[in-house]
PDB file of N, CA and C in Angstrom:
ATOM      1  N   MET A   1      65.753 128.512  91.732  1.00  0.00           N
ATOM      2  CA  MET A   1      65.208 127.462  92.447  1.00  0.00           C
ATOM      3  C   MET A   1      64.563 126.533  91.109  1.00  0.00           C
ATOM      4  N   THR A   2      64.091 125.178  91.015  1.00  0.00           N
ATOM      5  CA  THR A   2      63.425 124.800  90.385  1.00  0.00           C
ATOM      6  C   THR A   2      62.001 124.368  90.110  1.00  0.00           C
ATOM      7  N   LYS A   3      61.620 124.248  89.215  1.00  0.00           N
ATOM      8  CA  LYS A   3      59.916 124.129  88.859  1.00  0.00           C
ATOM      9  C   LYS A   3      59.891 122.671  88.342  1.00  0.00           C
ATOM     10  N   GLN A   4      60.949 121.702  87.856  1.00  0.00           N
ATOM     11  CA  GLN A   4      60.302 120.776  87.741  1.00  0.00           C
ATOM     12  C   GLN A   4      61.105 119.231  88.920  1.00  0.00           C
ATOM     13  N   LYS A   5      59.801 118.386  89.025  1.00  0.00           N
ATOM     14  CA  LYS A   5      59.494 117.514  90.586  1.00  0.00           C
ATOM     15  C   LYS A   5      61.092 117.134  90.092  1.00  0.00           C
ATOM     16  N   VAL A   6      60.817 116.525  90.869  1.00  0.00           N
ATOM     17  CA  VAL A   6      62.263 115.781  91.103  1.00  0.00           C
ATOM     18  C   VAL A   6      61.926 114.349  91.746  1.00  0.00           C
ATOM     19  N   ARG A   7      62.336 112.725  91.531  1.00  0.00           N
ATOM     20  CA  ARG A   7      61.768 111.957  91.999  1.00  0.00           C
ATOM     21  C   ARG A   7      62.698 110.798  92.653  1.00  0.00           C
ATOM     22  N   ASN A   8      62.544 111.966  94.637  1.00  0.00           N
ATOM     23  CA  ASN A   8      63.441 111.504  96.002  1.00  0.00           C
ATOM     24  C   ASN A   8      63.113 110.274  95.866  1.00  0.00           C
ATOM     25  N   ASP A   9      62.356 109.569  95.125  1.00  0.00           N
ATOM     26  CA  ASP A   9      63.459 107.905  95.713  1.00  0.00           C
ATOM     27  C   ASP A   9      63.962 107.119  94.443  1.00  0.00           C
ATOM     28  N   LEU A  10      64.453 107.824  93.158  1.00  0.00           N
ATOM     29  CA  LEU A  10      65.418 107.505  92.108  1.00  0.00           C
ATOM     30  C   LEU A  10      66.877 108.127  92.966  1.00  0.00           C
ATOM     31  N   VAL A  11      66.555 109.098  93.620  1.00  0.00           N
ATOM     32  CA  VAL A  11      67.742 110.177  93.782  1.00  0.00           C
ATOM     33  C   VAL A  11      68.199 109.384  94.652  1.00  0.00           C
ATOM     34  N   VAL A  12      68.091 108.626  96.365  1.00  0.00           N
ATOM     35  CA  VAL A  12      67.587 108.443  97.880  1.00  0.00           C
ATOM     36  C   VAL A  12      68.403 107.028  96.476  1.00  0.00           C
ATOM     37  N   LYS A  13      67.694 106.377  95.496  1.00  0.00           N
ATOM     38  CA  LYS A  13      68.291 105.099  95.856  1.00  0.00           C
ATOM     39  C   LYS A  13      69.049 104.582  94.994  1.00  0.00           C
ATOM     40  N   ILE A  14      69.776 105.993  94.076  1.00  0.00           N
ATOM     41  CA  ILE A  14      70.915 106.025  93.199  1.00  0.00           C
ATOM     42  C   ILE A  14      72.390 105.585  94.560  1.00  0.00           C
ATOM     43  N   ALA A  15      71.935 106.891  95.413  1.00  0.00           N
ATOM     44  CA  ALA A  15      72.931 107.433  96.107  1.00  0.00           C
ATOM     45  C   ALA A  15      73.376 105.909  97.453  1.00  0.00           C
ATOM     46  N   GLU A  16      72.020 105.010  98.088  1.00  0.00           N
ATOM     47  CA  GLU A  16      72.372 104.190  98.860  1.00  0.00           C
ATOM     48  C   GLU A  16      73.214 103.005  97.864  1.00  0.00           C
ATOM     49  N   LYS A  17      72.956 102.641  95.946  1.00  0.00           N
ATOM     50  CA  LYS A  17      73.229 101.903  95.796  1.00  0.00           C
ATOM     51  C   LYS A  17      75.100 102.096  95.487  1.00  0.00           C
ATOM     52  N   VAL A  18      75.333 103.070  95.644  1.00  0.00           N
ATOM     53  CA  VAL A  18      76.601 103.158  95.515  1.00  0.00           C
ATOM     54  C   VAL A  18      77.268 102.712  96.855  1.00  0.00           C
ATOM     55  N   LEU A  19      76.437 103.573  97.765  1.00  0.00           N
ATOM     56  CA  LEU A  19      77.333 103.805  99.060  1.00  0.00           C
ATOM     57  C   LEU A  19      77.139 101.670  99.326  1.00  0.00           C
ATOM     58  N   LYS A  20      76.092 101.087  98.922  1.00  0.00           N
ATOM     59  CA  LYS A  20      76.156  99.591  99.408  1.00  0.00           C
ATOM     60  C   LYS A  20      77.137  99.128  98.975  1.00  0.00           C
ATOM     61  N   GLU A  21      77.551  99.305  96.863  1.00  0.00           N
ATOM     62  CA  GLU A  21      78.135  98.445  96.852  1.00  0.00           C
ATOM     63  C   GLU A  21      79.572  98.599  96.500  1.00  0.00           C
ATOM     64  N   GLU A  22      80.224  99.716  97.421  1.00  0.00           N
ATOM     65  CA  GLU A  22      81.460 100.403  97.417  1.00  0.00           C
ATOM     66  C   GLU A  22      81.818  99.976  99.278  1.00  0.00           C
ATOM     67  N   LYS A  23      80.303  99.285  99.951  1.00  0.00           N
ATOM     68  CA  LYS A  23      80.759  98.673 101.118  1.00  0.00           C
ATOM     69  C   LYS A  23      80.705  99.996 102.233  1.00  0.00           C
ATOM     70  N   GLU A  24      80.402 100.970 101.760  1.00  0.00           N
ATOM     71  CA  GLU A  24      80.784 102.445 102.990  1.00  0.00           C
ATOM     72  C   GLU A  24      79.211 102.171 103.240  1.00  0.00           C
ATOM     73  N   LYS A  25      79.510 102.779 105.126  1.00  0.00           N
ATOM     74  CA  LYS A  25      78.392 103.445 106.161  1.00  0.00           C
ATOM     75  C   LYS A  25      78.371 103.848 106.964  1.00  0.00           C
ATOM     76  N   GLY A  26      77.850 104.906 107.337  1.00  0.00           N
ATOM     77  CA  GLY A  26      78.018 105.688 108.170  1.00  0.00           C
ATOM     78  C   GLY A  26      77.935 106.881 107.693  1.00  0.00           C
ATOM     79  N   TRP A  27      77.071 107.202 106.719  1.00  0.00           N
ATOM     80  CA  TRP A  27      77.654 108.209 105.726  1.00  0.00           C
ATOM     81  C   TRP A  27      76.276 108.732 106.408  1.00  0.00           C
ATOM     82  N   ASP A  28      75.986 110.223 106.154  1.00  0.00           N
ATOM     83  CA  ASP A  28      75.061 111.489 106.069  1.00  0.00           C
ATOM     84  C   ASP A  28      75.308 112.917 104.999  1.00  0.00           C
ATOM     85  N   ILE A  29      73.990 111.951 104.009  1.00  0.00           N
ATOM     86  CA  ILE A  29      74.837 112.727 103.008  1.00  0.00           C
ATOM     87  C   ILE A  29      73.474 113.378 102.873  1.00  0.00           C
ATOM     88  N   SER A  30      73.431 114.799 102.551  1.00  0.00           N
ATOM     89  CA  SER A  30      72.232 115.478 102.083  1.00  0.00           C
ATOM     90  C   SER A  30      72.485 116.064 100.399  1.00  0.00           C
ATOM     91  N   ILE A  31      71.677 115.480  99.833  1.00  0.00           N
ATOM     92  CA  ILE A  31      71.387 116.749  98.534  1.00  0.00           C
ATOM     93  C   ILE A  31      70.639 117.920  98.959  1.00  0.00           C
ATOM     94  N   VAL A  32      70.665 118.905  97.794  1.00  0.00           N
ATOM     95  CA  VAL A  32      70.357 120.154  97.957  1.00  0.00           C
ATOM     96  C   VAL A  32      69.903 120.508  96.085  1.00  0.00           C
ATOM     97  N   PHE A  33      69.008 120.896  95.756  1.00  0.00           N
ATOM     98  CA  PHE A  33      68.823 121.407  94.663  1.00  0.00           C
ATOM     99  C   PHE A  33      69.211 123.011  94.573  1.00  0.00           C
ATOM    100  N   VAL A  34      69.508 123.730  93.671  1.00  0.00           N
ATOM    101  CA  VAL A  34      69.654 124.626  93.913  1.00  0.00           C
ATOM    102  C   VAL A  34      69.517 125.210  92.348  1.00  0.00           C
ATOM    103  N   GLY A  35      69.599 126.749  92.008  1.00  0.00           N
ATOM    104  CA  GLY A  35      69.801 127.723  91.184  1.00  0.00           C
ATOM    105  C   GLY A  35      70.788 127.614  89.820  1.00  0.00           C
ATOM    106  N   CYS A  36      70.675 128.292  89.666  1.00  0.00           N
ATOM    107  CA  CYS A  36      71.895 128.751  88.797  1.00  0.00           C
ATOM    108  C   CYS A  36      73.244 129.404  89.277  1.00  0.00           C
ATOM    109  N   ALA A  37      72.352 130.405  90.300  1.00  0.00           N
ATOM    110  CA  ALA A  37      73.215 131.703  90.892  1.00  0.00           C
ATOM    111  C   ALA A  37      73.707 130.997  91.771  1.00  0.00           C
ATOM    112  N   LYS A  38      73.471 130.031  92.478  1.00  0.00           N
ATOM    113  CA  LYS A  38      73.524 129.099  93.764  1.00  0.00           C
ATOM    114  C   LYS A  38      74.450 128.828  93.424  1.00  0.00           C
ATOM    115  N   ILE A  39      75.051 127.430  92.017  1.00  0.00           N
ATOM    116  CA  ILE A  39      75.638 127.267  92.376  1.00  0.00           C
ATOM    117  C   ILE A  39      77.089 126.895  91.485  1.00  0.00           C
ATOM    118  N   LYS A  40      77.197 128.626  90.708  1.00  0.00           N
ATOM    119  CA  LYS A  40      77.970 129.661  90.436  1.00  0.00           C
ATOM    120  C   LYS A  40      78.847 130.182  91.472  1.00  0.00           C
ATOM    121  N   GLU A  41      77.686 130.316  92.767  1.00  0.00           N
ATOM    122  CA  GLU A  41      78.373 131.204  94.152  1.00  0.00           C
ATOM    123  C   GLU A  41      79.394 129.580  94.451  1.00  0.00           C
ATOM    124  N   LEU A  42      78.649 129.126  94.813  1.00  0.00           N
ATOM    125  CA  LEU A  42      79.358 128.031  95.813  1.00  0.00           C
ATOM    126  C   LEU A  42      81.259 127.551  94.488  1.00  0.00           C
ATOM    127  N   ASN A  43      80.712 127.305  93.271  1.00  0.00           N
ATOM    128  CA  ASN A  43      81.884 126.802  92.277  1.00  0.00           C
ATOM    129  C   ASN A  43      83.217 128.282  92.347  1.00  0.00           C
ATOM    130  N   ARG A  44      82.144 129.322  92.466  1.00  0.00           N
ATOM    131  CA  ARG A  44      83.374 130.367  92.426  1.00  0.00           C
ATOM    132  C   ARG A  44      84.020 130.318  94.329  1.00  0.00           C
ATOM    133  N   LYS A  45      83.391 130.032  95.087  1.00  0.00           N
ATOM    134  CA  LYS A  45      83.232 130.210  97.332  1.00  0.00           C
ATOM    135  C   LYS A  45      84.651 129.202  96.879  1.00  0.00           C
ATOM    136  N   PHE A  46      84.142 128.326  96.762  1.00  0.00           N
ATOM    137  CA  PHE A  46      85.449 126.724  97.073  1.00  0.00           C
ATOM    138  C   PHE A  46      86.492 125.925  95.784  1.00  0.00           C
ATOM    139  N   ARG A  47      85.871 126.514  94.940  1.00  0.00           N
ATOM    140  CA  ARG A  47      87.012 126.029  93.295  1.00  0.00           C
ATOM    141  C   ARG A  47      87.770 127.262  92.368  1.00  0.00           C
ATOM    142  N   GLY A  48      87.019 128.617  92.704  1.00  0.00           N
ATOM    143  CA  GLY A  48      87.532 129.431  92.356  1.00  0.00           C
ATOM    144  C   GLY A  48      87.081 129.182  91.092  1.00  0.00           C
ATOM    145  N   LYS A  49      86.477 128.458  90.588  1.00  0.00           N
ATOM    146  CA  LYS A  49      85.916 128.859  88.786  1.00  0.00           C
ATOM    147  C   LYS A  49      84.814 129.403  89.393  1.00  0.00           C
ATOM    148  N   ASN A  50      84.305 130.365  87.951  1.00  0.00           N
ATOM    149  CA  ASN A  50      83.140 131.605  87.577  1.00  0.00           C
ATOM    150  C   ASN A  50      82.050 131.217  87.169  1.00  0.00           C
ATOM    151  N   PHE A  51      81.676 130.130  87.181  1.00  0.00           N
ATOM    152  CA  PHE A  51      80.413 129.610  86.019  1.00  0.00           C
ATOM    153  C   PHE A  51      79.617 128.310  86.313  1.00  0.00           C
ATOM    154  N   SER A  52      78.413 128.440  86.376  1.00  0.00           N
ATOM    155  CA  SER A  52      77.730 127.473  86.815  1.00  0.00           C
ATOM    156  C   SER A  52      78.059 125.938  86.449  1.00  0.00           C
ATOM    157  N   THR A  53      77.266 125.049  87.118  1.00  0.00           N
ATOM    158  CA  THR A  53      78.018 123.833  87.142  1.00  0.00           C
ATOM    159  C   THR A  53      76.781 122.960  87.670  1.00  0.00           C
ATOM    160  N   ASP A  54      76.613 121.658  87.153  1.00  0.00           N
ATOM    161  CA  ASP A  54      75.946 120.601  87.700  1.00  0.00           C
ATOM    162  C   ASP A  54      75.501 120.069  88.569  1.00  0.00           C
ATOM    163  N   VAL A  55      76.937 119.690  89.343  1.00  0.00           N
ATOM    164  CA  VAL A  55      76.704 119.713  90.405  1.00  0.00           C
ATOM    165  C   VAL A  55      78.176 120.160  90.922  1.00  0.00           C
ATOM    166  N   LEU A  56      77.939 119.388  92.506  1.00  0.00           N
ATOM    167  CA  LEU A  56      79.554 120.311  93.605  1.00  0.00           C
ATOM    168  C   LEU A  56      78.789 119.467  94.544  1.00  0.00           C
ATOM    169  N   SER A  57      80.128 118.420  94.893  1.00  0.00           N
ATOM    170  CA  SER A  57      80.563 117.891  96.119  1.00  0.00           C
ATOM    171  C   SER A  57      81.293 117.750  96.940  1.00  0.00           C
ATOM    172  N   PHE A  58      80.884 117.955  98.947  1.00  0.00           N
ATOM    173  CA  PHE A  58      81.960 118.334 100.044  1.00  0.00           C
ATOM    174  C   PHE A  58      81.727 117.450 100.527  1.00  0.00           C
ATOM    175  N   SER A  59      82.655 116.915 100.671  1.00  0.00           N
ATOM    176  CA  SER A  59      82.991 115.384 102.319  1.00  0.00           C
ATOM    177  C   SER A  59      83.679 116.088 103.115  1.00  0.00           C
ATOM    178  N   GLY A  60      84.219 115.387 103.686  1.00  0.00           N
ATOM    179  CA  GLY A  60      85.193 114.881 105.031  1.00  0.00           C
ATOM    180  C   GLY A  60      84.323 115.139 106.198  1.00  0.00           C
ATOM    181  N   LEU A  61      84.053 115.811 106.376  1.00  0.00           N
ATOM    182  CA  LEU A  61      83.613 115.966 108.032  1.00  0.00           C
ATOM    183  C   LEU A  61      83.339 114.239 108.460  1.00  0.00           C
ATOM    184  N   GLU A  62      83.682 114.469 109.681  1.00  0.00           N
ATOM    185  CA  GLU A  62      83.083 113.443 111.267  1.00  0.00           C
ATOM    186  C   GLU A  62      82.576 113.879 111.923  1.00  0.00           C
ATOM    187  N   ILE A  63      81.862 113.075 112.380  1.00  0.00           N
ATOM    188  CA  ILE A  63      81.042 113.541 113.871  1.00  0.00           C
ATOM    189  C   ILE A  63      81.712 112.652 114.929  1.00  0.00           C
ATOM    190  N   GLU A  64      82.589 114.083 115.399  1.00  0.00           N
ATOM    191  CA  GLU A  64      83.616 113.289 116.699  1.00  0.00           C
ATOM    192  C   GLU A  64      82.839 111.755 117.545  1.00  0.00           C
ATOM    193  N   GLY A  65      83.684 111.079 117.875  1.00  0.00           N
ATOM    194  CA  GLY A  65      82.766 110.217 118.759  1.00  0.00           C
ATOM    195  C   GLY A  65      82.058 109.197 118.253  1.00  0.00           C
ATOM    196  N   SER A  66      82.162 110.112 116.505  1.00  0.00           N
ATOM    197  CA  SER A  66      81.155 108.329 116.275  1.00  0.00           C
ATOM    198  C   SER A  66      81.438 107.629 114.858  1.00  0.00           C
ATOM    199  N   LYS A  67      80.926 106.784 114.299  1.00  0.00           N
ATOM    200  CA  LYS A  67      81.695 106.925 112.773  1.00  0.00           C
ATOM    201  C   LYS A  67      80.663 107.396 111.995  1.00  0.00           C
ATOM    202  N   LYS A  68      80.150 108.312 112.535  1.00  0.00           N
ATOM    203  CA  LYS A  68      79.188 108.953 110.939  1.00  0.00           C
ATOM    204  C   LYS A  68      80.190 110.069 110.211  1.00  0.00           C
ATOM    205  N   ARG A  69      79.879 110.014 108.690  1.00  0.00           N
ATOM    206  CA  ARG A  69      80.337 111.273 107.796  1.00  0.00           C
ATOM    207  C   ARG A  69      79.747 112.161 107.086  1.00  0.00           C
ATOM    208  N   ILE A  70      79.605 112.919 107.119  1.00  0.00           N
ATOM    209  CA  ILE A  70      78.831 113.780 106.647  1.00  0.00           C
ATOM    210  C   ILE A  70      79.620 114.005 104.971  1.00  0.00           C
ATOM    211  N   GLY A  71      78.191 113.963 104.053  1.00  0.00           N
ATOM    212  CA  GLY A  71      79.153 114.431 103.095  1.00  0.00           C
ATOM    213  C   GLY A  71      77.147 115.424 102.409  1.00  0.00           C
ATOM    214  N   GLU A  72      77.705 116.700 101.776  1.00  0.00           N
ATOM    215  CA  GLU A  72      76.330 117.891 101.006  1.00  0.00           C
ATOM    216  C   GLU A  72      76.773 117.402  99.091  1.00  0.00           C
ATOM    217  N   ILE A  73      76.162 117.590  99.036  1.00  0.00           N
ATOM    218  CA  ILE A  73      75.507 116.765  97.201  1.00  0.00           C
ATOM    219  C   ILE A  73      74.911 118.768  96.876  1.00  0.00           C
ATOM    220  N   PHE A  74      75.392 119.049  96.065  1.00  0.00           N
ATOM    221  CA  PHE A  74      74.842 120.170  95.624  1.00  0.00           C
ATOM    222  C   PHE A  74      74.232 120.240  93.772  1.00  0.00           C
ATOM    223  N   ILE A  75      73.449 119.896  93.387  1.00  0.00           N
ATOM    224  CA  ILE A  75      72.957 120.268  92.168  1.00  0.00           C
ATOM    225  C   ILE A  75      71.881 120.644  91.294  1.00  0.00           C
ATOM    226  N   CYS A  76      72.718 121.833  89.904  1.00  0.00           N
ATOM    227  CA  CYS A  76      71.346 122.381  89.517  1.00  0.00           C
ATOM    228  C   CYS A  76      70.656 121.216  88.532  1.00  0.00           C
ATOM    229  N   GLN A  77      69.741 121.901  88.931  1.00  0.00           N
ATOM    230  CA  GLN A  77      68.787 120.478  87.618  1.00  0.00           C
ATOM    231  C   GLN A  77      68.347 121.797  86.682  1.00  0.00           C
ATOM    232  N   LYS A  78      68.771 122.423  86.019  1.00  0.00           N
ATOM    233  CA  LYS A  78      68.886 123.253  85.677  1.00  0.00           C
ATOM    234  C   LYS A  78      69.979 122.868  84.767  1.00  0.00           C
ATOM    235  N   GLU A  79      71.199 123.043  84.822  1.00  0.00           N
ATOM    236  CA  GLU A  79      72.417 122.593  84.164  1.00  0.00           C
ATOM    237  C   GLU A  79      72.078 120.938  84.185  1.00  0.00           C
ATOM    238  N   ALA A  80      71.624 120.216  84.747  1.00  0.00           N
ATOM    239  CA  ALA A  80      71.383 119.148  83.997  1.00  0.00           C
ATOM    240  C   ALA A  80      70.951 118.300  82.730  1.00  0.00           C
ATOM    241  N   GLN A  81      69.245 119.775  83.173  1.00  0.00           N
ATOM    242  CA  GLN A  81      68.722 120.177  81.734  1.00  0.00           C
ATOM    243  C   GLN A  81      69.473 119.995  80.512  1.00  0.00           C
ATOM    244  N   THR A  82      70.251 120.968  80.424  1.00  0.00           N
ATOM    245  CA  THR A  82      71.286 121.476  79.786  1.00  0.00           C
ATOM    246  C   THR A  82      71.828 120.300  78.992  1.00  0.00           C
ATOM    247  N   ASN A  83      72.607 119.839  79.962  1.00  0.00           N
ATOM    248  CA  ASN A  83      73.434 118.017  79.934  1.00  0.00           C
ATOM    249  C   ASN A  83      72.429 117.972  78.423  1.00  0.00           C
ATOM    250  N   ALA A  84      70.838 117.203  79.132  1.00  0.00           N
ATOM    251  CA  ALA A  84      70.510 116.666  78.707  1.00  0.00           C
ATOM    252  C   ALA A  84      70.203 116.168  77.470  1.00  0.00           C
ATOM    253  N   ARG A  85      69.721 118.104  77.428  1.00  0.00           N
ATOM    254  CA  ARG A  85      70.106 118.346  76.041  1.00  0.00           C
ATOM    255  C   ARG A  85      70.958 117.757  75.017  1.00  0.00           C
ATOM    256  N   LYS A  86      71.882 118.470  75.479  1.00  0.00           N
ATOM    257  CA  LYS A  86      73.663 118.278  74.736  1.00  0.00           C
ATOM    258  C   LYS A  86      73.937 117.043  74.476  1.00  0.00           C
ATOM    259  N   GLU A  87      73.191 116.592  75.670  1.00  0.00           N
ATOM    260  CA  GLU A  87      74.083 114.656  75.316  1.00  0.00           C
ATOM    261  C   GLU A  87      72.494 113.861  74.778  1.00  0.00           C
ATOM    262  N   LYS A  88      71.826 114.315  74.341  1.00  0.00           N
ATOM    263  CA  LYS A  88      70.211 113.888  73.786  1.00  0.00           C
ATOM    264  C   LYS A  88      69.886 113.006  74.693  1.00  0.00           C
ATOM    265  N   LYS A  89      70.231 112.207  76.207  1.00  0.00           N
ATOM    266  CA  LYS A  89      69.545 111.575  77.284  1.00  0.00           C
ATOM    267  C   LYS A  89      68.222 112.473  77.483  1.00  0.00           C
ATOM    268  N   ASN A  90      67.973 111.883  79.102  1.00  0.00           N
ATOM    269  CA  ASN A  90      66.356 112.252  79.887  1.00  0.00           C
ATOM    270  C   ASN A  90      67.309 113.270  80.614  1.00  0.00           C
ATOM    271  N   VAL A  91      66.134 113.969  81.625  1.00  0.00           N
ATOM    272  CA  VAL A  91      66.602 115.049  82.696  1.00  0.00           C
ATOM    273  C   VAL A  91      67.548 113.069  83.877  1.00  0.00           C
ATOM    274  N   GLU A  92      66.685 112.531  83.476  1.00  0.00           N
ATOM    275  CA  GLU A  92      66.089 111.326  84.857  1.00  0.00           C
ATOM    276  C   GLU A  92      67.866 110.551  84.751  1.00  0.00           C
ATOM    277  N   GLU A  93      67.865 110.502  83.131  1.00  0.00           N
ATOM    278  CA  GLU A  93      69.275 109.234  83.168  1.00  0.00           C
ATOM    279  C   GLU A  93      70.421 110.705  83.949  1.00  0.00           C
ATOM    280  N   VAL A  94      70.541 111.126  83.603  1.00  0.00           N
ATOM    281  CA  VAL A  94      71.462 113.029  83.792  1.00  0.00           C
ATOM    282  C   VAL A  94      72.011 112.591  85.372  1.00  0.00           C
ATOM    283  N   LEU A  95      70.560 112.973  85.980  1.00  0.00           N
ATOM    284  CA  LEU A  95      70.372 112.657  87.202  1.00  0.00           C
ATOM    285  C   LEU A  95      70.875 111.889  88.019  1.00  0.00           C
ATOM    286  N   ASN A  96      70.466 110.343  87.452  1.00  0.00           N
ATOM    287  CA  ASN A  96      71.083 109.457  88.163  1.00  0.00           C
ATOM    288  C   ASN A  96      72.755 109.004  88.005  1.00  0.00           C
ATOM    289  N   TRP A  97      73.063 109.718  86.998  1.00  0.00           N
ATOM    290  CA  TRP A  97      74.821 110.032  86.712  1.00  0.00           C
ATOM    291  C   TRP A  97      75.366 111.149  87.459  1.00  0.00           C
ATOM    292  N   ILE A  98      74.620 112.654  87.205  1.00  0.00           N
ATOM    293  CA  ILE A  98      75.427 113.685  88.582  1.00  0.00           C
ATOM    294  C   ILE A  98      75.126 112.707  89.973  1.00  0.00           C
ATOM    295  N   ILE A  99      74.001 111.940  90.632  1.00  0.00           N
ATOM    296  CA  ILE A  99      74.377 111.145  91.584  1.00  0.00           C
ATOM    297  C   ILE A  99      75.455 110.254  91.678  1.00  0.00           C
ATOM    298  N   ALA A 100      75.594 109.408  91.247  1.00  0.00           N
ATOM    299  CA  ALA A 100      76.393 108.196  91.945  1.00  0.00           C
ATOM    300  C   ALA A 100      77.824 109.098  90.931  1.00  0.00           C
ATOM    301  N   HIS A 101      78.019 109.759  90.274  1.00  0.00           N
ATOM    302  CA  HIS A 101      79.240 110.801  90.081  1.00  0.00           C
ATOM    303  C   HIS A 101      79.590 110.932  91.651  1.00  0.00           C
ATOM    304  N   SER A 102      78.810 112.149  91.800  1.00  0.00           N
ATOM    305  CA  SER A 102      78.746 112.484  93.253  1.00  0.00           C
ATOM    306  C   SER A 102      79.107 112.022  94.679  1.00  0.00           C
ATOM    307  N   VAL A 103      78.474 110.765  94.258  1.00  0.00           N
ATOM    308  CA  VAL A 103      78.457 109.557  95.739  1.00  0.00           C
ATOM    309  C   VAL A 103      80.324 109.242  95.816  1.00  0.00           C
ATOM    310  N   LEU A 104      80.426 108.879  94.488  1.00  0.00           N
ATOM    311  CA  LEU A 104      81.686 108.582  94.066  1.00  0.00           C
ATOM    312  C   LEU A 104      82.987 110.229  94.649  1.00  0.00           C
ATOM    313  N   HIS A 105      82.565 110.802  94.132  1.00  0.00           N
ATOM    314  CA  HIS A 105      83.368 112.118  94.601  1.00  0.00           C
ATOM    315  C   HIS A 105      83.789 112.178  96.017  1.00  0.00           C
ATOM    316  N   LEU A 106      82.651 111.628  97.556  1.00  0.00           N
ATOM    317  CA  LEU A 106      82.015 111.866  98.656  1.00  0.00           C
ATOM    318  C   LEU A 106      83.680 110.383  98.913  1.00  0.00           C
ATOM    319  N   LEU A 107      83.751 109.644  98.795  1.00  0.00           N
ATOM    320  CA  LEU A 107      84.005 108.489  98.708  1.00  0.00           C
ATOM    321  C   LEU A 107      85.584 108.178  97.833  1.00  0.00           C
ATOM    322  N   GLY A 108      86.094 109.839  97.868  1.00  0.00           N
ATOM    323  CA  GLY A 108      87.099 110.332  96.925  1.00  0.00           C
ATOM    324  C   GLY A 108      88.262 109.642  96.328  1.00  0.00           C
ATOM    325  N   TYR A 109      86.357 109.178  95.206  1.00  0.00           N
ATOM    326  CA  TYR A 109      87.328 109.207  93.367  1.00  0.00           C
ATOM    327  C   TYR A 109      87.530 110.782  93.132  1.00  0.00           C
ATOM    328  N   ASP A 110      88.781 111.086  92.166  1.00  0.00           N
ATOM    329  CA  ASP A 110      88.237 111.946  91.487  1.00  0.00           C
ATOM    330  C   ASP A 110      89.134 112.158  89.613  1.00  0.00           C
ATOM    331  N   HIS A 111      88.636 112.275  89.627  1.00  0.00           N
ATOM    332  CA  HIS A 111      88.279 111.737  87.989  1.00  0.00           C
ATOM    333  C   HIS A 111      88.994 113.323  86.874  1.00  0.00           C
ATOM    334  N   GLU A 112      89.885 113.701  87.974  1.00  0.00           N
ATOM    335  CA  GLU A 112      90.436 115.201  87.633  1.00  0.00           C
ATOM    336  C   GLU A 112      92.120 114.403  87.556  1.00  0.00           C
ATOM    337  N   LYS A 113      92.278 113.567  87.977  1.00  0.00           N
ATOM    338  CA  LYS A 113      93.756 113.253  89.038  1.00  0.00           C
ATOM    339  C   LYS A 113      94.415 112.817  87.348  1.00  0.00           C
ATOM    340  N   PRO A 114      95.628 112.466  87.279  1.00  0.00           N
ATOM    341  CA  PRO A 114      96.122 111.678  86.484  1.00  0.00           C
ATOM    342  C   PRO A 114      96.251 109.589  86.570  1.00  0.00           C
ATOM    343  N   GLY A 115      95.813 108.866  85.172  1.00  0.00           N
ATOM    344  CA  GLY A 115      96.606 108.298  85.066  1.00  0.00           C
ATOM    345  C   GLY A 115      94.959 107.316  84.808  1.00  0.00           C
ATOM    346  N   ARG A 116      94.777 106.251  85.146  1.00  0.00           N
ATOM    347  CA  ARG A 116      93.318 105.216  85.669  1.00  0.00           C
ATOM    348  C   ARG A 116      92.825 106.075  86.278  1.00  0.00           C
ATOM    349  N   GLU A 117      93.324 106.803  87.325  1.00  0.00           N
ATOM    350  CA  GLU A 117      91.925 107.370  87.535  1.00  0.00           C
ATOM    351  C   GLU A 117      90.349 107.877  87.419  1.00  0.00           C
ATOM    352  N   ALA A 118      90.331 108.132  86.028  1.00  0.00           N
ATOM    353  CA  ALA A 118      89.626 109.044  86.038  1.00  0.00           C
ATOM    354  C   ALA A 118      88.802 107.646  85.552  1.00  0.00           C
ATOM    355  N   GLU A 119      88.897 107.123  84.932  1.00  0.00           N
ATOM    356  CA  GLU A 119      88.765 105.360  83.936  1.00  0.00           C
ATOM    357  C   GLU A 119      87.777 104.254  85.074  1.00  0.00           C
ATOM    358  N   LYS A 120      88.494 104.777  85.786  1.00  0.00           N
ATOM    359  CA  LYS A 120      87.953 103.063  87.022  1.00  0.00           C
ATOM    360  C   LYS A 120      86.862 104.267  87.487  1.00  0.00           C
ATOM    361  N   MET A 121      87.050 105.816  87.318  1.00  0.00           N
ATOM    362  CA  MET A 121      85.827 106.599  88.171  1.00  0.00           C
ATOM    363  C   MET A 121      84.854 105.952  87.510  1.00  0.00           C
ATOM    364  N   ARG A 122      85.014 106.476  86.165  1.00  0.00           N
ATOM    365  CA  ARG A 122      83.646 106.606  84.834  1.00  0.00           C
ATOM    366  C   ARG A 122      83.031 105.160  85.051  1.00  0.00           C
ATOM    367  N   GLN A 123      83.794 104.124  84.671  1.00  0.00           N
ATOM    368  CA  GLN A 123      83.457 102.481  84.679  1.00  0.00           C
ATOM    369  C   GLN A 123      82.588 102.393  86.136  1.00  0.00           C
ATOM    370  N   LYS A 124      82.602 103.149  87.238  1.00  0.00           N
ATOM    371  CA  LYS A 124      82.263 103.165  88.839  1.00  0.00           C
ATOM    372  C   LYS A 124      80.647 103.562  89.021  1.00  0.00           C
ATOM    373  N   GLU A 125      80.601 105.077  87.959  1.00  0.00           N
ATOM    374  CA  GLU A 125      79.667 105.545  87.554  1.00  0.00           C
ATOM    375  C   GLU A 125      78.176 104.631  86.578  1.00  0.00           C
ATOM    376  N   GLU A 126      79.164 104.043  85.374  1.00  0.00           N
ATOM    377  CA  GLU A 126      78.053 102.960  85.107  1.00  0.00           C
ATOM    378  C   GLU A 126      77.878 102.119  85.349  1.00  0.00           C
ATOM    379  N   LYS A 127      78.484 101.972  86.081  1.00  0.00           N
ATOM    380  CA  LYS A 127      78.050 100.442  86.850  1.00  0.00           C
ATOM    381  C   LYS A 127      76.903 100.556  87.665  1.00  0.00           C
ATOM    382  N   TYR A 128      77.037 101.763  87.847  1.00  0.00           N
ATOM    383  CA  TYR A 128      75.818 102.646  89.276  1.00  0.00           C
ATOM    384  C   TYR A 128      74.666 102.691  88.682  1.00  0.00           C
ATOM    385  N   ILE A 129      74.732 103.581  87.521  1.00  0.00           N
ATOM    386  CA  ILE A 129      73.083 103.813  87.046  1.00  0.00           C
ATOM    387  C   ILE A 129      72.524 102.789  85.639  1.00  0.00           C
TER     388      ILE A 129
END
């Protein structure tokens, strides 16, 4: 659990901006802030990585009989704060990047793919934040 207040309006604004610019409609995205233990558990369970991370995103479900798609984003604010200190940025900047990054993942972008995919994703992240 995090004690730092999150500006929900900014979180939603970034997510909506990415979806609009990418011309994506019909998404129902939940964004959940969790503690280090929970994000570590999710990372271990779904990615086989036994460490805490700043964000995980899960997509793919389509609601039968509609054009709705569901995505889930889990953010560990403590990890985001650690990253902000390392990068000498404020937490809000890092959270904006995390939201843009994770929504792009929901849309199929993957910075771990070989070739230009990582650079393409980075350029889009910069554009949206």
